[in-house]
Amino acid sequence: MPIGTSFGLFNGSKYKLTHTHTNHGKNEKFYAEQLSNTDFISFNLYHLKNQKHLLKPCEMPEEKVIHFIENVQLIQV
């Protein structure tokens, strides 16, 4: 995902995507908001030592986050 704000399509719906880095690039925050309804995707990704990563979804199953990230298609607005 590109850093900043972008848009994507997922399951036929348009989403506004916001992706930021914090802590000198060691952490990532991601939030996707469905524009036509109330669905959203939110998570933090922590880059740990030894090239390991820790995914922390915000109030949703990890599977929902992974499915979204693997299937959202970026679009130009």
Protein backbone atom coordinates (compact mmCIF):
# COMPACT_ATOMS: atom_id res chain seq x y z
CA MET A 1 0.00 0.00 0.00
CA PRO A 2 1.28 3.47 -0.77
CA ILE A 3 1.95 5.84 2.12
CA GLY A 4 -0.66 8.57 2.44
CA THR A 5 -4.24 8.59 1.20
CA SER A 6 -5.43 6.49 -1.72
CA PHE A 7 -8.59 4.73 -2.87
CA GLY A 8 -9.40 1.12 -3.56
CA LEU A 9 -12.14 -1.29 -4.61
CA PHE A 10 -13.03 -4.29 -2.48
CA ASN A 11 -16.04 -6.57 -3.05
CA GLY A 12 -17.57 -3.98 -5.38
CA SER A 13 -17.31 -1.09 -2.90
CA LYS A 14 -15.01 1.93 -2.90
CA TYR A 15 -12.78 2.52 0.14
CA LYS A 16 -10.67 5.47 1.23
CA LEU A 17 -7.30 4.13 2.41
CA THR A 18 -4.98 5.91 4.84
CA HIS A 19 -1.52 4.45 5.45
CA THR A 20 1.12 6.10 7.66
CA HIS A 21 4.50 5.24 9.15
CA THR A 22 5.37 6.14 12.74
CA ASN A 23 8.40 5.73 14.99
CA HIS A 24 10.88 6.31 12.15
CA GLY A 25 9.25 3.66 9.96
CA LYS A 26 9.22 0.96 12.63
CA ASN A 27 5.42 0.98 12.87
CA GLU A 28 2.64 1.32 10.32
CA LYS A 29 -0.95 2.40 10.78
CA PHE A 30 -3.63 1.56 8.24
CA TYR A 31 -7.28 2.57 8.07
CA ALA A 32 -9.71 1.87 5.23
CA GLU A 33 -13.22 3.33 5.29
CA GLN A 34 -15.98 2.07 3.02
CA LEU A 35 -17.46 5.14 1.34
CA SER A 36 -20.94 3.72 0.68
CA ASN A 37 -21.56 2.04 4.04
CA THR A 38 -20.12 1.60 7.53
CA ASP A 39 -17.46 -1.08 6.99
CA PHE A 40 -13.86 -0.32 7.88
CA ILE A 41 -10.49 -2.04 8.18
CA SER A 42 -7.98 -0.88 10.79
CA PHE A 43 -4.68 -2.27 12.00
CA ASN A 44 -1.19 -1.50 13.21
CA LEU A 45 1.86 -3.35 11.91
CA TYR A 46 5.00 -3.42 14.03
CA HIS A 47 8.38 -4.17 12.46
CA LEU A 48 10.37 -6.11 15.05
CA LYS A 49 13.99 -7.22 15.17
CA ASN A 50 15.15 -10.10 12.97
CA GLN A 51 12.78 -8.99 10.18
CA LYS A 52 9.72 -10.23 12.09
CA HIS A 53 6.39 -8.39 12.00
CA LEU A 54 3.50 -8.19 14.43
CA LEU A 55 0.03 -7.49 13.01
CA LYS A 56 -2.42 -5.96 15.48
CA PRO A 57 -5.94 -5.56 14.03
CA CYS A 58 -8.16 -2.98 15.73
CA GLU A 59 -11.39 -4.59 16.96
CA MET A 60 -11.66 -7.14 14.14
CA PRO A 61 -10.35 -10.60 13.28
CA GLU A 62 -6.88 -10.84 11.75
CA GLU A 63 -8.40 -12.87 8.90
CA LYS A 64 -10.59 -9.90 7.86
CA VAL A 65 -7.54 -7.63 7.66
CA ILE A 66 -5.47 -10.12 5.67
CA HIS A 67 -8.34 -10.85 3.26
CA PHE A 68 -8.82 -7.13 2.63
CA ILE A 69 -5.11 -6.38 2.06
CA GLU A 70 -4.74 -9.35 -0.29
CA ASN A 71 -7.81 -8.43 -2.35
CA VAL A 72 -8.25 -4.64 -2.42
CA GLN A 73 -7.48 -3.10 -5.82
CA LEU A 74 -6.01 0.40 -5.88
CA ILE A 75 -7.85 2.84 -8.15
CA GLN A 76 -7.31 6.38 -9.43
CA VAL A 77 -9.93 8.95 -8.45
